[in-house]
Amino acid sequence: MKYHRLKYRLCMQHSFDGQIEHKHHHLIEIEIVARQIAEDFLEFDSMDSILKQVLDPYQYQYLNEFTEFDGDTSIEHLGEVFYVKVRDALEKKHWKFARFEISETPLRIYAIVEEEF
């Protein structure tokens, strides 16, 4: 099987206690692996535009202010929220989601795998 793999960087701010005066910055890296389920060939640009639509609203934002995080901005919770959004958006556009990874450092990675490749 053939897969596309894209990385996306999200510059964001958050605070562990919900206090804006305690906010700090992170550069989060998100990696998505998906395969085409459409008959027509889909290029990286197709997948890239979907990711940008889903993730760009969070770029340079203070994530504690978004209701979908319920005050929990841990890397694991961010991963769960973004995974659902990305998976649903990709599958609406003829992509089969395979793997999602989110990390704040190369040594701390949270992964969700639906399909081994």
N, C-alpha and C. Protein backbone atom coordinates (compact mmCIF):
# COMPACT_ATOMS: atom_id res chain seq x y z
N MET A 1 0.83 -1.18 0.00
CA MET A 1 0.00 0.00 0.00
C MET A 1 0.88 1.25 0.00
N LYS A 2 0.34 2.32 -0.52
CA LYS A 2 1.07 3.57 -0.60
C LYS A 2 0.43 4.59 0.35
N TYR A 3 1.28 5.31 1.06
CA TYR A 3 0.83 6.28 2.05
C TYR A 3 1.46 7.64 1.81
N HIS A 4 0.75 8.66 2.21
CA HIS A 4 1.29 10.02 2.26
C HIS A 4 1.56 10.33 3.72
N ARG A 5 2.64 11.05 3.96
CA ARG A 5 3.02 11.40 5.33
C ARG A 5 3.38 12.88 5.35
N LEU A 6 2.66 13.66 6.15
CA LEU A 6 2.90 15.10 6.23
C LEU A 6 3.15 15.52 7.67
N LYS A 7 3.99 16.52 7.83
CA LYS A 7 4.23 17.11 9.15
C LYS A 7 3.73 18.54 9.13
N TYR A 8 3.23 18.94 10.27
CA TYR A 8 2.68 20.28 10.43
C TYR A 8 3.19 20.84 11.74
N ARG A 9 3.60 22.08 11.75
CA ARG A 9 4.07 22.71 12.99
C ARG A 9 3.05 23.74 13.45
N LEU A 10 2.72 23.65 14.72
CA LEU A 10 1.73 24.51 15.32
C LEU A 10 2.38 25.30 16.46
N CYS A 11 2.48 26.60 16.28
CA CYS A 11 2.98 27.47 17.35
C CYS A 11 1.78 27.85 18.20
N MET A 12 1.84 27.52 19.46
CA MET A 12 0.70 27.77 20.33
C MET A 12 1.16 28.20 21.70
N GLN A 13 0.20 28.64 22.50
CA GLN A 13 0.45 29.01 23.88
C GLN A 13 -0.57 28.29 24.74
N HIS A 14 -0.19 28.00 25.96
CA HIS A 14 -1.14 27.43 26.92
C HIS A 14 -0.61 27.66 28.32
N SER A 15 -1.45 27.39 29.30
CA SER A 15 -1.03 27.38 30.69
C SER A 15 -1.65 26.15 31.34
N PHE A 16 -0.93 25.54 32.25
CA PHE A 16 -1.42 24.34 32.91
C PHE A 16 -2.56 24.63 33.88
N ASP A 17 -2.60 25.84 34.42
CA ASP A 17 -3.62 26.16 35.42
C ASP A 17 -4.73 27.04 34.88
N GLY A 18 -4.73 27.34 33.57
CA GLY A 18 -5.77 28.17 32.97
C GLY A 18 -5.60 29.66 33.21
N GLN A 19 -4.54 30.05 33.89
CA GLN A 19 -4.28 31.46 34.18
C GLN A 19 -3.46 32.04 33.03
N ILE A 20 -4.01 33.04 32.37
CA ILE A 20 -3.35 33.62 31.20
C ILE A 20 -1.98 34.20 31.55
N GLU A 21 -1.80 34.66 32.78
CA GLU A 21 -0.50 35.21 33.16
C GLU A 21 0.57 34.13 33.29
N HIS A 22 0.17 32.86 33.29
CA HIS A 22 1.13 31.75 33.34
C HIS A 22 1.33 31.07 31.98
N LYS A 23 0.82 31.71 30.95
CA LYS A 23 0.94 31.09 29.63
C LYS A 23 2.39 31.03 29.18
N HIS A 24 2.68 30.04 28.38
CA HIS A 24 4.01 29.89 27.78
C HIS A 24 3.85 29.28 26.39
N HIS A 25 4.90 29.36 25.61
CA HIS A 25 4.85 28.98 24.21
C HIS A 25 5.39 27.56 23.98
N HIS A 26 4.85 26.93 22.96
CA HIS A 26 5.35 25.64 22.49
C HIS A 26 5.31 25.63 20.97
N LEU A 27 6.20 24.87 20.39
CA LEU A 27 6.12 24.54 18.97
C LEU A 27 5.78 23.06 18.92
N ILE A 28 4.57 22.76 18.56
CA ILE A 28 4.08 21.39 18.50
C ILE A 28 4.27 20.87 17.08
N GLU A 29 4.75 19.65 16.96
CA GLU A 29 4.85 19.03 15.64
C GLU A 29 3.81 17.92 15.55
N ILE A 30 3.06 17.95 14.47
CA ILE A 30 2.02 16.95 14.23
C ILE A 30 2.38 16.24 12.94
N GLU A 31 2.35 14.92 12.98
CA GLU A 31 2.62 14.12 11.79
C GLU A 31 1.40 13.25 11.50
N ILE A 32 0.98 13.29 10.25
CA ILE A 32 -0.20 12.54 9.82
C ILE A 32 0.21 11.59 8.70
N VAL A 33 -0.26 10.35 8.78
CA VAL A 33 -0.06 9.38 7.71
C VAL A 33 -1.44 8.94 7.24
N ALA A 34 -1.64 8.98 5.94
CA ALA A 34 -2.93 8.58 5.36
C ALA A 34 -2.70 7.99 3.98
N ARG A 35 -3.69 7.24 3.52
CA ARG A 35 -3.61 6.71 2.16
C ARG A 35 -4.88 7.12 1.41
N GLN A 36 -4.76 7.14 0.12
CA GLN A 36 -5.87 7.52 -0.73
C GLN A 36 -6.91 6.41 -0.79
N ILE A 37 -8.17 6.78 -0.78
CA ILE A 37 -9.23 5.80 -1.04
C ILE A 37 -10.02 6.19 -2.29
N ALA A 38 -9.64 7.32 -2.89
CA ALA A 38 -10.29 7.76 -4.12
C ALA A 38 -9.66 7.06 -5.31
N GLU A 39 -10.42 6.94 -6.37
CA GLU A 39 -9.90 6.33 -7.59
C GLU A 39 -8.89 7.27 -8.27
N ASP A 40 -9.18 8.56 -8.22
CA ASP A 40 -8.30 9.54 -8.84
C ASP A 40 -7.10 9.80 -7.93
N PHE A 41 -5.97 10.08 -8.56
CA PHE A 41 -4.76 10.35 -7.81
C PHE A 41 -4.90 11.66 -7.03
N LEU A 42 -4.55 11.64 -5.75
CA LEU A 42 -4.57 12.83 -4.91
C LEU A 42 -3.14 13.19 -4.56
N GLU A 43 -2.80 14.45 -4.70
CA GLU A 43 -1.45 14.90 -4.42
C GLU A 43 -1.32 15.36 -2.97
N PHE A 44 -0.06 15.57 -2.55
CA PHE A 44 0.20 16.08 -1.21
C PHE A 44 -0.59 17.37 -0.94
N ASP A 45 -0.74 18.20 -1.95
CA ASP A 45 -1.45 19.47 -1.77
C ASP A 45 -2.87 19.25 -1.26
N SER A 46 -3.50 18.19 -1.69
CA SER A 46 -4.86 17.88 -1.22
C SER A 46 -4.86 17.63 0.28
N MET A 47 -3.95 16.80 0.73
CA MET A 47 -3.85 16.49 2.16
C MET A 47 -3.40 17.73 2.94
N ASP A 48 -2.45 18.46 2.41
CA ASP A 48 -1.94 19.66 3.06
C ASP A 48 -3.03 20.70 3.26
N SER A 49 -3.87 20.92 2.27
CA SER A 49 -4.92 21.93 2.40
C SER A 49 -5.95 21.52 3.46
N ILE A 50 -6.21 20.22 3.59
CA ILE A 50 -7.13 19.74 4.63
C ILE A 50 -6.53 20.00 6.01
N LEU A 51 -5.25 19.68 6.18
CA LEU A 51 -4.60 19.90 7.48
C LEU A 51 -4.59 21.38 7.84
N LYS A 52 -4.32 22.23 6.88
CA LYS A 52 -4.29 23.67 7.15
C LYS A 52 -5.67 24.17 7.57
N GLN A 53 -6.72 23.68 6.93
CA GLN A 53 -8.08 24.09 7.30
C GLN A 53 -8.40 23.70 8.74
N VAL A 54 -7.97 22.52 9.14
CA VAL A 54 -8.26 22.03 10.49
C VAL A 54 -7.39 22.71 11.54
N LEU A 55 -6.11 22.86 11.27
CA LEU A 55 -5.16 23.28 12.30
C LEU A 55 -4.84 24.78 12.32
N ASP A 56 -4.98 25.46 11.20
CA ASP A 56 -4.63 26.88 11.16
C ASP A 56 -5.39 27.75 12.17
N PRO A 57 -6.65 27.45 12.49
CA PRO A 57 -7.33 28.29 13.49
C PRO A 57 -6.65 28.29 14.87
N TYR A 58 -5.80 27.31 15.14
CA TYR A 58 -5.10 27.21 16.42
C TYR A 58 -3.70 27.81 16.39
N GLN A 59 -3.25 28.16 15.19
CA GLN A 59 -1.89 28.69 15.03
C GLN A 59 -1.75 30.02 15.78
N TYR A 60 -0.73 30.14 16.61
CA TYR A 60 -0.41 31.35 17.38
C TYR A 60 -1.50 31.73 18.38
N GLN A 61 -2.28 30.76 18.84
CA GLN A 61 -3.38 31.04 19.76
C GLN A 61 -3.09 30.51 21.16
N TYR A 62 -3.82 31.06 22.12
CA TYR A 62 -3.79 30.60 23.51
C TYR A 62 -4.86 29.52 23.62
N LEU A 63 -4.45 28.25 23.66
CA LEU A 63 -5.38 27.13 23.52
C LEU A 63 -6.34 26.97 24.69
N ASN A 64 -6.02 27.49 25.85
CA ASN A 64 -6.94 27.39 26.98
C ASN A 64 -8.27 28.09 26.71
N GLU A 65 -8.29 29.00 25.76
CA GLU A 65 -9.52 29.74 25.45
C GLU A 65 -10.47 28.96 24.53
N PHE A 66 -10.06 27.82 24.02
CA PHE A 66 -10.91 27.02 23.14
C PHE A 66 -11.71 26.01 23.95
N THR A 67 -13.02 26.01 23.76
CA THR A 67 -13.89 25.13 24.54
C THR A 67 -13.62 23.65 24.30
N GLU A 68 -13.13 23.28 23.12
CA GLU A 68 -12.91 21.86 22.82
C GLU A 68 -11.82 21.22 23.69
N PHE A 69 -11.02 22.03 24.34
CA PHE A 69 -9.97 21.48 25.20
C PHE A 69 -10.40 21.37 26.66
N ASP A 70 -11.52 21.97 27.03
CA ASP A 70 -12.06 21.88 28.39
C ASP A 70 -11.00 22.19 29.45
N GLY A 71 -10.12 23.12 29.17
CA GLY A 71 -9.09 23.48 30.13
C GLY A 71 -7.92 22.51 30.21
N ASP A 72 -7.97 21.42 29.46
CA ASP A 72 -6.90 20.42 29.47
C ASP A 72 -6.07 20.58 28.20
N THR A 73 -4.90 21.16 28.34
CA THR A 73 -4.04 21.38 27.18
C THR A 73 -2.79 20.51 27.24
N SER A 74 -2.91 19.35 27.88
CA SER A 74 -1.80 18.40 27.88
C SER A 74 -1.59 17.90 26.45
N ILE A 75 -0.40 17.43 26.16
CA ILE A 75 -0.09 16.94 24.82
C ILE A 75 -1.01 15.78 24.43
N GLU A 76 -1.37 14.95 25.41
CA GLU A 76 -2.25 13.82 25.13
C GLU A 76 -3.65 14.29 24.77
N HIS A 77 -4.17 15.27 25.51
CA HIS A 77 -5.52 15.76 25.21
C HIS A 77 -5.54 16.52 23.89
N LEU A 78 -4.51 17.33 23.64
CA LEU A 78 -4.43 18.01 22.34
C LEU A 78 -4.43 16.97 21.23
N GLY A 79 -3.67 15.88 21.43
CA GLY A 79 -3.63 14.82 20.44
C GLY A 79 -4.99 14.20 20.18
N GLU A 80 -5.74 13.93 21.23
CA GLU A 80 -7.07 13.34 21.07
C GLU A 80 -8.01 14.27 20.30
N VAL A 81 -7.99 15.54 20.63
CA VAL A 81 -8.86 16.51 19.97
C VAL A 81 -8.47 16.68 18.51
N PHE A 82 -7.19 16.92 18.25
CA PHE A 82 -6.74 17.13 16.88
C PHE A 82 -6.89 15.87 16.03
N TYR A 83 -6.65 14.71 16.62
CA TYR A 83 -6.80 13.44 15.91
C TYR A 83 -8.20 13.30 15.33
N VAL A 84 -9.22 13.53 16.14
CA VAL A 84 -10.61 13.40 15.67
C VAL A 84 -10.89 14.40 14.56
N LYS A 85 -10.47 15.64 14.75
CA LYS A 85 -10.72 16.68 13.74
C LYS A 85 -10.02 16.33 12.41
N VAL A 86 -8.76 15.93 12.50
CA VAL A 86 -7.99 15.61 11.29
C VAL A 86 -8.54 14.37 10.61
N ARG A 87 -8.79 13.32 11.36
CA ARG A 87 -9.32 12.07 10.80
C ARG A 87 -10.63 12.32 10.06
N ASP A 88 -11.56 13.01 10.70
CA ASP A 88 -12.87 13.27 10.08
C ASP A 88 -12.73 14.10 8.82
N ALA A 89 -11.89 15.13 8.85
CA ALA A 89 -11.70 15.99 7.67
C ALA A 89 -11.06 15.22 6.53
N LEU A 90 -10.07 14.39 6.82
CA LEU A 90 -9.41 13.61 5.77
C LEU A 90 -10.37 12.61 5.14
N GLU A 91 -11.12 11.92 5.96
CA GLU A 91 -11.99 10.87 5.43
C GLU A 91 -13.14 11.45 4.61
N LYS A 92 -13.55 12.69 4.88
CA LYS A 92 -14.57 13.34 4.05
C LYS A 92 -14.04 13.64 2.65
N LYS A 93 -12.71 13.73 2.53
CA LYS A 93 -12.08 14.09 1.25
C LYS A 93 -11.34 12.90 0.62
N HIS A 94 -11.79 11.69 0.91
CA HIS A 94 -11.28 10.47 0.26
C HIS A 94 -9.88 10.05 0.68
N TRP A 95 -9.55 10.28 1.94
CA TRP A 95 -8.30 9.80 2.51
C TRP A 95 -8.65 8.84 3.64
N LYS A 96 -7.89 7.78 3.79
CA LYS A 96 -8.04 6.85 4.89
C LYS A 96 -6.94 7.14 5.90
N PHE A 97 -7.34 7.59 7.07
CA PHE A 97 -6.42 7.93 8.13
C PHE A 97 -5.69 6.67 8.60
N ALA A 98 -4.38 6.78 8.84
CA ALA A 98 -3.60 5.64 9.32
C ALA A 98 -2.93 5.92 10.66
N ARG A 99 -2.29 7.08 10.79
CA ARG A 99 -1.50 7.35 12.00
C ARG A 99 -1.46 8.85 12.28
N PHE A 100 -1.49 9.18 13.56
CA PHE A 100 -1.40 10.56 14.02
C PHE A 100 -0.36 10.60 15.12
N GLU A 101 0.58 11.54 15.04
CA GLU A 101 1.56 11.75 16.10
C GLU A 101 1.61 13.23 16.44
N ILE A 102 1.74 13.52 17.72
CA ILE A 102 1.89 14.90 18.17
C ILE A 102 3.04 14.91 19.18
N SER A 103 3.90 15.91 19.07
CA SER A 103 5.04 15.96 19.99
C SER A 103 5.39 17.40 20.32
N GLU A 104 5.93 17.56 21.51
CA GLU A 104 6.45 18.86 21.91
C GLU A 104 7.97 18.86 21.89
N THR A 105 8.56 17.67 21.89
CA THR A 105 10.00 17.49 21.69
C THR A 105 10.17 16.18 20.92
N PRO A 106 11.30 15.97 20.30
CA PRO A 106 11.51 14.70 19.59
C PRO A 106 11.48 13.47 20.50
N LEU A 107 11.59 13.70 21.80
CA LEU A 107 11.61 12.59 22.75
C LEU A 107 10.27 12.34 23.43
N ARG A 108 9.28 13.20 23.19
CA ARG A 108 7.97 13.06 23.82
C ARG A 108 6.91 13.07 22.74
N ILE A 109 6.48 11.88 22.34
CA ILE A 109 5.54 11.74 21.22
C ILE A 109 4.32 10.97 21.68
N TYR A 110 3.13 11.49 21.36
CA TYR A 110 1.88 10.80 21.62
C TYR A 110 1.33 10.37 20.27
N ALA A 111 1.05 9.08 20.10
CA ALA A 111 0.64 8.55 18.79
C ALA A 111 -0.68 7.82 18.90
N ILE A 112 -1.46 7.93 17.82
CA ILE A 112 -2.71 7.17 17.66
C ILE A 112 -2.60 6.48 16.32
N VAL A 113 -2.75 5.16 16.32
CA VAL A 113 -2.59 4.36 15.10
C VAL A 113 -3.90 3.63 14.83
N GLU A 114 -4.43 3.81 13.62
CA GLU A 114 -5.62 3.08 13.21
C GLU A 114 -5.28 1.97 12.24
N GLU A 115 -4.22 2.17 11.48
CA GLU A 115 -3.87 1.23 10.43
C GLU A 115 -2.35 1.07 10.40
N GLU A 116 -1.88 -0.14 10.57
CA GLU A 116 -0.44 -0.38 10.49
C GLU A 116 -0.01 -0.31 9.03
N PHE A 117 1.16 0.23 8.81
CA PHE A 117 1.68 0.32 7.44
C PHE A 117 3.10 -0.15 7.39
